[in-house]
Amino acid sequence: MRRIELAAKVTPDSAQALWYELESRFDAAGAKPGITIEAAAVRHLSAAAVQVLLMARKRAQRDGGALVLASPSPECIDCLRIMGASSLIGEDAA
């Protein structure tokens, strides 16, 4: 499974860069892509970042793979819940 580590603050600009990185990983992975997003350092997620994560999970699932948010910080979990994206939080982190 390929791994990407998020910065403490994921702004709209860094969210766009994250999308480009995810796209390149999807293309390199081929069928059934598996990507782990390490979120332990996250203190803030912009709405754009949440949208990127949701779109990436949808693409991974469509291609028969998975996108996993690993070790989300409490602040990351709060951001996702506030923005209505708690579906990104795994059961072990909830």
PDB file of N, CA and C in Angstrom:
ATOM      1  N   MET A   1       0.846  -1.174   0.000  1.00  0.00           N
ATOM      2  CA  MET A   1       0.000   0.000   0.000  1.00  0.00           C
ATOM      3  C   MET A   1       0.894   1.240   0.000  1.00  0.00           C
ATOM      4  N   ARG A   2       0.596   2.170  -0.849  1.00  0.00           N
ATOM      5  CA  ARG A   2       1.381   3.402  -0.946  1.00  0.00           C
ATOM      6  C   ARG A   2       0.981   4.350   0.181  1.00  0.00           C
ATOM      7  N   ARG A   3       1.936   5.131   0.679  1.00  0.00           N
ATOM      8  CA  ARG A   3       1.712   5.969   1.850  1.00  0.00           C
ATOM      9  C   ARG A   3       2.034   7.430   1.536  1.00  0.00           C
ATOM     10  N   ILE A   4       1.147   8.326   1.994  1.00  0.00           N
ATOM     11  CA  ILE A   4       1.347   9.765   1.858  1.00  0.00           C
ATOM     12  C   ILE A   4       1.171  10.375   3.239  1.00  0.00           C
ATOM     13  N   GLU A   5       2.094  11.239   3.650  1.00  0.00           N
ATOM     14  CA  GLU A   5       2.006  11.884   4.957  1.00  0.00           C
ATOM     15  C   GLU A   5       1.526  13.324   4.785  1.00  0.00           C
ATOM     16  N   LEU A   6       0.476  13.682   5.526  1.00  0.00           N
ATOM     17  CA  LEU A   6      -0.068  15.035   5.460  1.00  0.00           C
ATOM     18  C   LEU A   6       0.677  15.960   6.412  1.00  0.00           C
ATOM     19  N   ALA A   7       0.760  17.233   6.030  1.00  0.00           N
ATOM     20  CA  ALA A   7       1.365  18.264   6.872  1.00  0.00           C
ATOM     21  C   ALA A   7       0.393  18.652   7.985  1.00  0.00           C
ATOM     22  N   ALA A   8       0.863  19.463   8.916  1.00  0.00           N
ATOM     23  CA  ALA A   8       0.022  19.892  10.034  1.00  0.00           C
ATOM     24  C   ALA A   8      -1.166  20.722   9.563  1.00  0.00           C
ATOM     25  N   LYS A   9      -0.951  21.544   8.548  1.00  0.00           N
ATOM     26  CA  LYS A   9      -2.021  22.400   8.028  1.00  0.00           C
ATOM     27  C   LYS A   9      -2.168  22.127   6.535  1.00  0.00           C
ATOM     28  N   VAL A  10      -3.323  21.629   6.135  1.00  0.00           N
ATOM     29  CA  VAL A  10      -3.566  21.329   4.721  1.00  0.00           C
ATOM     30  C   VAL A  10      -4.477  22.422   4.172  1.00  0.00           C
ATOM     31  N   THR A  11      -3.867  23.369   3.464  1.00  0.00           N
ATOM     32  CA  THR A  11      -4.552  24.535   2.908  1.00  0.00           C
ATOM     33  C   THR A  11      -5.123  24.200   1.529  1.00  0.00           C
ATOM     34  N   PRO A  12      -5.901  25.115   0.938  1.00  0.00           N
ATOM     35  CA  PRO A  12      -6.377  24.864  -0.428  1.00  0.00           C
ATOM     36  C   PRO A  12      -5.229  24.631  -1.418  1.00  0.00           C
ATOM     37  N   ASP A  13      -4.137  25.388  -1.277  1.00  0.00           N
ATOM     38  CA  ASP A  13      -3.002  25.196  -2.186  1.00  0.00           C
ATOM     39  C   ASP A  13      -2.350  23.826  -1.997  1.00  0.00           C
ATOM     40  N   SER A  14      -2.139  23.442  -0.748  1.00  0.00           N
ATOM     41  CA  SER A  14      -1.523  22.130  -0.528  1.00  0.00           C
ATOM     42  C   SER A  14      -2.500  21.001  -0.845  1.00  0.00           C
ATOM     43  N   ALA A  15      -3.803  21.275  -0.758  1.00  0.00           N
ATOM     44  CA  ALA A  15      -4.802  20.271  -1.152  1.00  0.00           C
ATOM     45  C   ALA A  15      -4.711  19.991  -2.646  1.00  0.00           C
ATOM     46  N   GLN A  16      -4.477  21.036  -3.428  1.00  0.00           N
ATOM     47  CA  GLN A  16      -4.330  20.843  -4.871  1.00  0.00           C
ATOM     48  C   GLN A  16      -3.087  20.001  -5.163  1.00  0.00           C
ATOM     49  N   ALA A  17      -2.003  20.292  -4.466  1.00  0.00           N
ATOM     50  CA  ALA A  17      -0.781  19.500  -4.637  1.00  0.00           C
ATOM     51  C   ALA A  17      -1.016  18.053  -4.205  1.00  0.00           C
ATOM     52  N   LEU A  18      -1.800  17.866  -3.142  1.00  0.00           N
ATOM     53  CA  LEU A  18      -2.140  16.518  -2.683  1.00  0.00           C
ATOM     54  C   LEU A  18      -2.907  15.766  -3.763  1.00  0.00           C
ATOM     55  N   TRP A  19      -3.845  16.451  -4.416  1.00  0.00           N
ATOM     56  CA  TRP A  19      -4.622  15.793  -5.479  1.00  0.00           C
ATOM     57  C   TRP A  19      -3.707  15.319  -6.608  1.00  0.00           C
ATOM     58  N   TYR A  20      -2.767  16.184  -7.018  1.00  0.00           N
ATOM     59  CA  TYR A  20      -1.843  15.799  -8.087  1.00  0.00           C
ATOM     60  C   TYR A  20      -1.002  14.591  -7.665  1.00  0.00           C
ATOM     61  N   GLU A  21      -0.563  14.582  -6.413  1.00  0.00           N
ATOM     62  CA  GLU A  21       0.223  13.443  -5.929  1.00  0.00           C
ATOM     63  C   GLU A  21      -0.626  12.173  -5.897  1.00  0.00           C
ATOM     64  N   LEU A  22      -1.863  12.298  -5.436  1.00  0.00           N
ATOM     65  CA  LEU A  22      -2.759  11.138  -5.406  1.00  0.00           C
ATOM     66  C   LEU A  22      -3.020  10.610  -6.811  1.00  0.00           C
ATOM     67  N   GLU A  23      -3.260  11.514  -7.756  1.00  0.00           N
ATOM     68  CA  GLU A  23      -3.499  11.081  -9.139  1.00  0.00           C
ATOM     69  C   GLU A  23      -2.308  10.306  -9.682  1.00  0.00           C
ATOM     70  N   SER A  24      -1.104  10.791  -9.410  1.00  0.00           N
ATOM     71  CA  SER A  24       0.074  10.076  -9.916  1.00  0.00           C
ATOM     72  C   SER A  24       0.199   8.707  -9.248  1.00  0.00           C
ATOM     73  N   ARG A  25      -0.171   8.607  -7.986  1.00  0.00           N
ATOM     74  CA  ARG A  25      -0.120   7.315  -7.287  1.00  0.00           C
ATOM     75  C   ARG A  25      -1.185   6.365  -7.831  1.00  0.00           C
ATOM     76  N   PHE A  26      -2.379   6.894  -8.131  1.00  0.00           N
ATOM     77  CA  PHE A  26      -3.422   6.055  -8.724  1.00  0.00           C
ATOM     78  C   PHE A  26      -2.956   5.516 -10.067  1.00  0.00           C
ATOM     79  N   ASP A  27      -2.390   6.397 -10.890  1.00  0.00           N
ATOM     80  CA  ASP A  27      -1.930   5.980 -12.211  1.00  0.00           C
ATOM     81  C   ASP A  27      -0.832   4.925 -12.104  1.00  0.00           C
ATOM     82  N   ALA A  28       0.072   5.092 -11.145  1.00  0.00           N
ATOM     83  CA  ALA A  28       1.173   4.144 -10.973  1.00  0.00           C
ATOM     84  C   ALA A  28       0.689   2.815 -10.393  1.00  0.00           C
ATOM     85  N   ALA A  29      -0.364   2.867  -9.574  1.00  0.00           N
ATOM     86  CA  ALA A  29      -0.851   1.656  -8.907  1.00  0.00           C
ATOM     87  C   ALA A  29      -1.635   0.752  -9.842  1.00  0.00           C
ATOM     88  N   GLY A  30      -2.238   1.332 -10.877  1.00  0.00           N
ATOM     89  CA  GLY A  30      -3.051   0.530 -11.785  1.00  0.00           C
ATOM     90  C   GLY A  30      -4.330   0.074 -11.116  1.00  0.00           C
ATOM     91  N   ALA A  31      -4.724  -1.166 -11.382  1.00  0.00           N
ATOM     92  CA  ALA A  31      -5.966  -1.698 -10.809  1.00  0.00           C
ATOM     93  C   ALA A  31      -5.808  -1.913  -9.303  1.00  0.00           C
ATOM     94  N   LYS A  32      -6.886  -1.757  -8.591  1.00  0.00           N
ATOM     95  CA  LYS A  32      -6.952  -1.953  -7.136  1.00  0.00           C
ATOM     96  C   LYS A  32      -5.898  -1.145  -6.378  1.00  0.00           C
ATOM     97  N   PRO A  33      -5.917   0.177  -6.536  1.00  0.00           N
ATOM     98  CA  PRO A  33      -4.933   1.002  -5.833  1.00  0.00           C
ATOM     99  C   PRO A  33      -5.177   0.983  -4.327  1.00  0.00           C
ATOM    100  N   GLY A  34      -4.118   0.932  -3.573  1.00  0.00           N
ATOM    101  CA  GLY A  34      -4.204   1.021  -2.117  1.00  0.00           C
ATOM    102  C   GLY A  34      -3.346   2.176  -1.647  1.00  0.00           C
ATOM    103  N   ILE A  35      -3.966   3.169  -1.034  1.00  0.00           N
ATOM    104  CA  ILE A  35      -3.231   4.345  -0.582  1.00  0.00           C
ATOM    105  C   ILE A  35      -3.572   4.607   0.878  1.00  0.00           C
ATOM    106  N   THR A  36      -2.536   4.808   1.688  1.00  0.00           N
ATOM    107  CA  THR A  36      -2.706   5.176   3.087  1.00  0.00           C
ATOM    108  C   THR A  36      -2.306   6.630   3.254  1.00  0.00           C
ATOM    109  N   ILE A  37      -3.198   7.416   3.842  1.00  0.00           N
ATOM    110  CA  ILE A  37      -2.922   8.820   4.136  1.00  0.00           C
ATOM    111  C   ILE A  37      -2.610   8.910   5.627  1.00  0.00           C
ATOM    112  N   GLU A  38      -1.383   9.243   5.958  1.00  0.00           N
ATOM    113  CA  GLU A  38      -0.963   9.382   7.355  1.00  0.00           C
ATOM    114  C   GLU A  38      -1.381  10.770   7.837  1.00  0.00           C
ATOM    115  N   ALA A  39      -2.256  10.818   8.845  1.00  0.00           N
ATOM    116  CA  ALA A  39      -2.847  12.084   9.286  1.00  0.00           C
ATOM    117  C   ALA A  39      -2.550  12.415  10.743  1.00  0.00           C
ATOM    118  N   ALA A  40      -1.517  11.825  11.313  1.00  0.00           N
ATOM    119  CA  ALA A  40      -1.199  12.045  12.727  1.00  0.00           C
ATOM    120  C   ALA A  40      -0.783  13.484  13.019  1.00  0.00           C
ATOM    121  N   ALA A  41      -0.145  14.152  12.060  1.00  0.00           N
ATOM    122  CA  ALA A  41       0.351  15.510  12.288  1.00  0.00           C
ATOM    123  C   ALA A  41      -0.681  16.592  11.993  1.00  0.00           C
ATOM    124  N   VAL A  42      -1.810  16.226  11.417  1.00  0.00           N
ATOM    125  CA  VAL A  42      -2.792  17.219  10.957  1.00  0.00           C
ATOM    126  C   VAL A  42      -3.403  17.979  12.128  1.00  0.00           C
ATOM    127  N   ARG A  43      -3.372  19.307  12.009  1.00  0.00           N
ATOM    128  CA  ARG A  43      -4.015  20.193  12.984  1.00  0.00           C
ATOM    129  C   ARG A  43      -5.166  20.961  12.348  1.00  0.00           C
ATOM    130  N   HIS A  44      -5.141  21.094  11.014  1.00  0.00           N
ATOM    131  CA  HIS A  44      -6.199  21.806  10.290  1.00  0.00           C
ATOM    132  C   HIS A  44      -6.328  21.236   8.882  1.00  0.00           C
ATOM    133  N   LEU A  45      -7.568  20.994   8.468  1.00  0.00           N
ATOM    134  CA  LEU A  45      -7.872  20.588   7.093  1.00  0.00           C
ATOM    135  C   LEU A  45      -8.795  21.632   6.486  1.00  0.00           C
ATOM    136  N   SER A  46      -8.428  22.162   5.335  1.00  0.00           N
ATOM    137  CA  SER A  46      -9.329  23.077   4.632  1.00  0.00           C
ATOM    138  C   SER A  46     -10.459  22.272   3.998  1.00  0.00           C
ATOM    139  N   ALA A  47     -11.517  22.969   3.627  1.00  0.00           N
ATOM    140  CA  ALA A  47     -12.629  22.303   2.937  1.00  0.00           C
ATOM    141  C   ALA A  47     -12.136  21.670   1.636  1.00  0.00           C
ATOM    142  N   ALA A  48     -11.192  22.335   0.979  1.00  0.00           N
ATOM    143  CA  ALA A  48     -10.627  21.786  -0.263  1.00  0.00           C
ATOM    144  C   ALA A  48      -9.902  20.469   0.011  1.00  0.00           C
ATOM    145  N   ALA A  49      -9.211  20.386   1.133  1.00  0.00           N
ATOM    146  CA  ALA A  49      -8.504  19.152   1.483  1.00  0.00           C
ATOM    147  C   ALA A  49      -9.483  18.012   1.735  1.00  0.00           C
ATOM    148  N   VAL A  50     -10.571  18.321   2.426  1.00  0.00           N
ATOM    149  CA  VAL A  50     -11.587  17.298   2.688  1.00  0.00           C
ATOM    150  C   VAL A  50     -12.193  16.823   1.377  1.00  0.00           C
ATOM    151  N   GLN A  51     -12.457  17.751   0.467  1.00  0.00           N
ATOM    152  CA  GLN A  51     -13.009  17.384  -0.836  1.00  0.00           C
ATOM    153  C   GLN A  51     -12.040  16.471  -1.593  1.00  0.00           C
ATOM    154  N   VAL A  52     -10.761  16.787  -1.553  1.00  0.00           N
ATOM    155  CA  VAL A  52      -9.751  15.954  -2.218  1.00  0.00           C
ATOM    156  C   VAL A  52      -9.754  14.546  -1.628  1.00  0.00           C
ATOM    157  N   LEU A  53      -9.811  14.441  -0.315  1.00  0.00           N
ATOM    158  CA  LEU A  53      -9.816  13.121   0.325  1.00  0.00           C
ATOM    159  C   LEU A  53     -11.054  12.321  -0.054  1.00  0.00           C
ATOM    160  N   LEU A  54     -12.206  12.984  -0.094  1.00  0.00           N
ATOM    161  CA  LEU A  54     -13.441  12.294  -0.480  1.00  0.00           C
ATOM    162  C   LEU A  54     -13.393  11.828  -1.937  1.00  0.00           C
ATOM    163  N   MET A  55     -12.898  12.703  -2.832  1.00  0.00           N
ATOM    164  CA  MET A  55     -12.792  12.328  -4.249  1.00  0.00           C
ATOM    165  C   MET A  55     -11.793  11.188  -4.438  1.00  0.00           C
ATOM    166  N   ALA A  56     -10.684  11.237  -3.699  1.00  0.00           N
ATOM    167  CA  ALA A  56      -9.669  10.192  -3.817  1.00  0.00           C
ATOM    168  C   ALA A  56     -10.204   8.852  -3.323  1.00  0.00           C
ATOM    169  N   ARG A  57     -10.949   8.873  -2.224  1.00  0.00           N
ATOM    170  CA  ARG A  57     -11.527   7.618  -1.731  1.00  0.00           C
ATOM    171  C   ARG A  57     -12.504   7.046  -2.752  1.00  0.00           C
ATOM    172  N   LYS A  58     -13.306   7.927  -3.350  1.00  0.00           N
ATOM    173  CA  LYS A  58     -14.274   7.481  -4.357  1.00  0.00           C
ATOM    174  C   LYS A  58     -13.557   6.856  -5.553  1.00  0.00           C
ATOM    175  N   ARG A  59     -12.478   7.492  -5.991  1.00  0.00           N
ATOM    176  CA  ARG A  59     -11.730   6.948  -7.129  1.00  0.00           C
ATOM    177  C   ARG A  59     -11.105   5.603  -6.775  1.00  0.00           C
ATOM    178  N   ALA A  60     -10.515   5.512  -5.597  1.00  0.00           N
ATOM    179  CA  ALA A  60      -9.904   4.245  -5.186  1.00  0.00           C
ATOM    180  C   ALA A  60     -10.944   3.131  -5.143  1.00  0.00           C
ATOM    181  N   GLN A  61     -12.102   3.413  -4.578  1.00  0.00           N
ATOM    182  CA  GLN A  61     -13.164   2.408  -4.496  1.00  0.00           C
ATOM    183  C   GLN A  61     -13.668   2.026  -5.880  1.00  0.00           C
ATOM    184  N   ARG A  62     -13.802   3.005  -6.749  1.00  0.00           N
ATOM    185  CA  ARG A  62     -14.253   2.732  -8.115  1.00  0.00           C
ATOM    186  C   ARG A  62     -13.303   1.786  -8.829  1.00  0.00           C
ATOM    187  N   ASP A  63     -12.018   1.935  -8.549  1.00  0.00           N
ATOM    188  CA  ASP A  63     -11.004   1.101  -9.193  1.00  0.00           C
ATOM    189  C   ASP A  63     -10.747  -0.201  -8.435  1.00  0.00           C
ATOM    190  N   GLY A  64     -11.565  -0.484  -7.418  1.00  0.00           N
ATOM    191  CA  GLY A  64     -11.436  -1.724  -6.669  1.00  0.00           C
ATOM    192  C   GLY A  64     -10.414  -1.687  -5.551  1.00  0.00           C
ATOM    193  N   GLY A  65      -9.928  -0.503  -5.221  1.00  0.00           N
ATOM    194  CA  GLY A  65      -8.927  -0.370  -4.166  1.00  0.00           C
ATOM    195  C   GLY A  65      -9.486   0.302  -2.933  1.00  0.00           C
ATOM    196  N   ALA A  66      -8.594   0.926  -2.181  1.00  0.00           N
ATOM    197  CA  ALA A  66      -9.007   1.585  -0.945  1.00  0.00           C
ATOM    198  C   ALA A  66      -8.105   2.773  -0.656  1.00  0.00           C
ATOM    199  N   LEU A  67      -8.682   3.749   0.027  1.00  0.00           N
ATOM    200  CA  LEU A  67      -7.930   4.873   0.567  1.00  0.00           C
ATOM    201  C   LEU A  67      -8.195   4.855   2.067  1.00  0.00           C
ATOM    202  N   VAL A  68      -7.125   4.792   2.857  1.00  0.00           N
ATOM    203  CA  VAL A  68      -7.245   4.674   4.306  1.00  0.00           C
ATOM    204  C   VAL A  68      -6.609   5.893   4.954  1.00  0.00           C
ATOM    205  N   LEU A  69      -7.331   6.508   5.884  1.00  0.00           N
ATOM    206  CA  LEU A  69      -6.807   7.614   6.678  1.00  0.00           C
ATOM    207  C   LEU A  69      -6.237   7.013   7.961  1.00  0.00           C
ATOM    208  N   ALA A  70      -4.908   7.024   8.085  1.00  0.00           N
ATOM    209  CA  ALA A  70      -4.248   6.359   9.212  1.00  0.00           C
ATOM    210  C   ALA A  70      -3.912   7.343  10.327  1.00  0.00           C
ATOM    211  N   SER A  71      -4.130   6.921  11.547  1.00  0.00           N
ATOM    212  CA  SER A  71      -3.748   7.668  12.749  1.00  0.00           C
ATOM    213  C   SER A  71      -4.171   9.133  12.722  1.00  0.00           C
ATOM    214  N   PRO A  72      -5.432   9.430  12.395  1.00  0.00           N
ATOM    215  CA  PRO A  72      -5.830  10.841  12.360  1.00  0.00           C
ATOM    216  C   PRO A  72      -5.736  11.467  13.751  1.00  0.00           C
ATOM    217  N   SER A  73      -5.184  12.670  13.803  1.00  0.00           N
ATOM    218  CA  SER A  73      -5.084  13.392  15.070  1.00  0.00           C
ATOM    219  C   SER A  73      -6.483  13.778  15.549  1.00  0.00           C
ATOM    220  N   PRO A  74      -6.645  14.099  16.821  1.00  0.00           N
ATOM    221  CA  PRO A  74      -7.954  14.555  17.306  1.00  0.00           C
ATOM    222  C   PRO A  74      -8.464  15.776  16.542  1.00  0.00           C
ATOM    223  N   GLU A  75      -7.552  16.687  16.184  1.00  0.00           N
ATOM    224  CA  GLU A  75      -7.950  17.870  15.417  1.00  0.00           C
ATOM    225  C   GLU A  75      -8.430  17.488  14.024  1.00  0.00           C
ATOM    226  N   CYS A  76      -7.772  16.514  13.428  1.00  0.00           N
ATOM    227  CA  CYS A  76      -8.181  16.028  12.107  1.00  0.00           C
ATOM    228  C   CYS A  76      -9.580  15.426  12.188  1.00  0.00           C
ATOM    229  N   ILE A  77      -9.810  14.614  13.206  1.00  0.00           N
ATOM    230  CA  ILE A  77     -11.127  14.000  13.392  1.00  0.00           C
ATOM    231  C   ILE A  77     -12.190  15.074  13.576  1.00  0.00           C
ATOM    232  N   ASP A  78     -11.879  16.101  14.379  1.00  0.00           N
ATOM    233  CA  ASP A  78     -12.834  17.201  14.590  1.00  0.00           C
ATOM    234  C   ASP A  78     -13.155  17.911  13.281  1.00  0.00           C
ATOM    235  N   CYS A  79     -12.123  18.219  12.485  1.00  0.00           N
ATOM    236  CA  CYS A  79     -12.343  18.891  11.187  1.00  0.00           C
ATOM    237  C   CYS A  79     -13.257  18.056  10.295  1.00  0.00           C
ATOM    238  N   LEU A  80     -12.995  16.769  10.223  1.00  0.00           N
ATOM    239  CA  LEU A  80     -13.796  15.891   9.362  1.00  0.00           C
ATOM    240  C   LEU A  80     -15.240  15.818   9.843  1.00  0.00           C
ATOM    241  N   ARG A  81     -15.435  15.724  11.139  1.00  0.00           N
ATOM    242  CA  ARG A  81     -16.803  15.669  11.677  1.00  0.00           C
ATOM    243  C   ARG A  81     -17.546  16.975  11.424  1.00  0.00           C
ATOM    244  N   ILE A  82     -16.885  18.101  11.665  1.00  0.00           N
ATOM    245  CA  ILE A  82     -17.511  19.413  11.462  1.00  0.00           C
ATOM    246  C   ILE A  82     -17.920  19.601  10.011  1.00  0.00           C
ATOM    247  N   MET A  83     -17.107  19.096   9.083  1.00  0.00           N
ATOM    248  CA  MET A  83     -17.391  19.262   7.655  1.00  0.00           C
ATOM    249  C   MET A  83     -18.253  18.147   7.083  1.00  0.00           C
ATOM    250  N   GLY A  84     -18.760  17.281   7.940  1.00  0.00           N
ATOM    251  CA  GLY A  84     -19.659  16.224   7.478  1.00  0.00           C
ATOM    252  C   GLY A  84     -18.971  15.119   6.712  1.00  0.00           C
ATOM    253  N   ALA A  85     -17.687  14.920   6.986  1.00  0.00           N
ATOM    254  CA  ALA A  85     -16.926  13.891   6.271  1.00  0.00           C
ATOM    255  C   ALA A  85     -16.417  12.821   7.227  1.00  0.00           C
ATOM    256  N   SER A  86     -17.185  12.545   8.261  1.00  0.00           N
ATOM    257  CA  SER A  86     -16.742  11.553   9.240  1.00  0.00           C
ATOM    258  C   SER A  86     -16.645  10.151   8.642  1.00  0.00           C
ATOM    259  N   SER A  87     -17.205   9.958   7.454  1.00  0.00           N
ATOM    260  CA  SER A  87     -17.084   8.654   6.790  1.00  0.00           C
ATOM    261  C   SER A  87     -15.627   8.334   6.446  1.00  0.00           C
ATOM    262  N   LEU A  88     -14.766   9.349   6.432  1.00  0.00           N
ATOM    263  CA  LEU A  88     -13.344   9.117   6.169  1.00  0.00           C
ATOM    264  C   LEU A  88     -12.617   8.549   7.382  1.00  0.00           C
ATOM    265  N   ILE A  89     -13.236   8.664   8.558  1.00  0.00           N
ATOM    266  CA  ILE A  89     -12.612   8.209   9.793  1.00  0.00           C
ATOM    267  C   ILE A  89     -12.865   6.714   9.946  1.00  0.00           C
ATOM    268  N   GLY A  90     -11.803   5.962  10.067  1.00  0.00           N
ATOM    269  CA  GLY A  90     -11.949   4.521  10.266  1.00  0.00           C
ATOM    270  C   GLY A  90     -12.544   4.220  11.626  1.00  0.00           C
ATOM    271  N   GLU A  91     -13.137   3.054  11.754  1.00  0.00           N
ATOM    272  CA  GLU A  91     -13.779   2.659  13.009  1.00  0.00           C
ATOM    273  C   GLU A  91     -12.798   2.643  14.176  1.00  0.00           C
ATOM    274  N   ASP A  92     -11.539   2.293  13.907  1.00  0.00           N
ATOM    275  CA  ASP A  92     -10.558   2.227  14.988  1.00  0.00           C
ATOM    276  C   ASP A  92     -10.173   3.606  15.512  1.00  0.00           C
ATOM    277  N   ALA A  93     -10.362   4.669  14.696  1.00  0.00           N
ATOM    278  CA  ALA A  93     -10.014   6.025  15.112  1.00  0.00           C
ATOM    279  C   ALA A  93     -11.200   6.782  15.680  1.00  0.00           C
ATOM    280  N   ALA A  94     -12.407   6.308  15.401  1.00  0.00           N
ATOM    281  CA  ALA A  94     -13.614   7.031  15.822  1.00  0.00           C
ATOM    282  C   ALA A  94     -13.843   6.939  17.266  1.00  0.00           C
TER     283      ALA A  94
END
